[in-house]
Amino acid sequence: MERPVFVDNEIYHVFSRGVEKRNIFTSDKDRFRFIHDVFEFNDEAPARNTGYFYNLTNNPLKSDFNRKPRSLLVEVLCFCFMPSHYHLLLR
């Protein structure tokens, strides 16, 4: 199968489903982690290892003030997470 050729400023519907229609999200924690990853990995710069949760005893926003401006790979127009699959609308 050939790889698709992506074109700038076009809109793409990206989706994936669990094997045998099994659930890929079993809790809100799973969905929040996926949202975090869609945000964090949508950058030309390497993703930082921030850990899954911020340490709430420190200022949780302090490290983000030193973050360089992001250079997005795609624009996420909308998303939908179902228990067994997800949809992303990307430009």
Protein backbone atom coordinates (compact mmCIF):
# COMPACT_ATOMS: atom_id res chain seq x y z
CA MET A 1 0.00 0.00 0.00
CA GLU A 2 1.38 3.39 -0.97
CA ARG A 3 1.70 6.13 1.60
CA PRO A 4 -0.75 8.98 1.03
CA VAL A 5 0.65 12.33 -0.09
CA PHE A 6 -0.53 15.03 2.29
CA VAL A 7 -1.22 18.52 0.98
CA ASP A 8 -1.00 21.74 3.00
CA ASN A 9 -4.27 23.43 3.94
CA GLU A 10 -6.39 20.34 3.20
CA ILE A 11 -8.57 18.73 5.85
CA TYR A 12 -8.06 15.07 6.78
CA HIS A 13 -10.23 12.70 8.78
CA VAL A 14 -7.91 10.43 10.78
CA PHE A 15 -9.35 7.55 12.76
CA SER A 16 -8.34 4.30 14.37
CA ARG A 17 -10.16 1.49 16.07
CA GLY A 18 -9.17 -1.17 18.59
CA VAL A 19 -8.37 -4.66 17.33
CA GLU A 20 -11.58 -6.70 17.04
CA LYS A 21 -13.44 -3.52 18.01
CA ARG A 22 -12.08 -3.80 21.56
CA ASN A 23 -12.09 -0.74 23.79
CA ILE A 24 -9.00 1.44 23.58
CA PHE A 25 -10.25 3.88 26.22
CA THR A 26 -11.40 2.27 29.45
CA SER A 27 -11.51 5.36 31.66
CA ASP A 28 -11.41 9.15 31.63
CA LYS A 29 -7.73 8.84 32.58
CA ASP A 30 -7.09 7.09 29.24
CA ARG A 31 -8.95 9.80 27.31
CA PHE A 32 -7.16 12.64 29.13
CA ARG A 33 -3.80 10.99 28.45
CA PHE A 34 -4.65 10.75 24.75
CA ILE A 35 -5.67 14.43 24.63
CA HIS A 36 -2.41 15.32 26.35
CA ASP A 37 -0.40 13.27 23.85
CA VAL A 38 -2.19 14.78 20.83
CA PHE A 39 -1.18 18.20 22.19
CA GLU A 40 2.34 17.34 23.35
CA PHE A 41 3.47 15.43 20.25
CA ASN A 42 2.03 17.96 17.78
CA ASP A 43 5.25 19.97 17.65
CA GLU A 44 8.33 19.92 15.45
CA ALA A 45 10.51 20.04 18.58
CA PRO A 46 11.00 16.84 20.60
CA ALA A 47 8.43 16.24 23.34
CA ARG A 48 9.56 17.05 26.87
CA ASN A 49 9.36 14.40 29.56
CA THR A 50 7.02 16.22 31.91
CA GLY A 51 5.74 13.09 33.59
CA TYR A 52 2.14 12.05 33.59
CA PHE A 53 1.09 14.36 36.44
CA TYR A 54 2.57 17.61 37.63
CA ASN A 55 3.83 17.66 41.18
CA LEU A 56 1.14 19.79 42.83
CA THR A 57 3.41 20.77 45.73
CA ASN A 58 5.38 22.91 43.28
CA ASN A 59 3.96 25.51 40.95
CA PRO A 60 2.47 23.35 38.14
CA LEU A 61 2.74 26.17 35.60
CA LYS A 62 6.28 27.31 36.34
CA SER A 63 8.02 25.03 33.83
CA ASP A 64 5.58 25.97 31.05
CA PHE A 65 6.62 29.64 31.22
CA ASN A 66 10.07 28.61 29.94
CA ARG A 67 8.66 26.66 27.00
CA LYS A 68 9.76 27.75 23.55
CA PRO A 69 7.06 28.77 21.08
CA ARG A 70 5.50 25.72 19.46
CA SER A 71 5.77 24.92 15.76
CA LEU A 72 2.71 22.78 15.13
CA LEU A 73 2.78 19.85 12.73
CA VAL A 74 -0.99 19.92 12.17
CA GLU A 75 -3.97 21.99 13.24
CA VAL A 76 -6.41 19.88 15.27
CA LEU A 77 -9.85 21.11 14.21
CA CYS A 78 -11.88 18.69 16.31
CA PHE A 79 -11.73 15.27 17.89
CA CYS A 80 -14.07 12.58 19.17
CA PHE A 81 -13.06 9.74 21.47
CA MET A 82 -15.34 6.73 21.69
CA PRO A 83 -14.62 3.68 23.88
CA SER A 84 -13.41 1.58 20.93
CA HIS A 85 -12.12 4.21 18.50
CA TYR A 86 -11.26 7.85 17.90
CA HIS A 87 -11.66 10.45 15.17
CA LEU A 88 -9.43 13.47 14.51
CA LEU A 89 -10.16 16.21 12.00
CA LEU A 90 -6.80 17.72 11.03
CA ARG A 91 -5.47 20.39 8.70
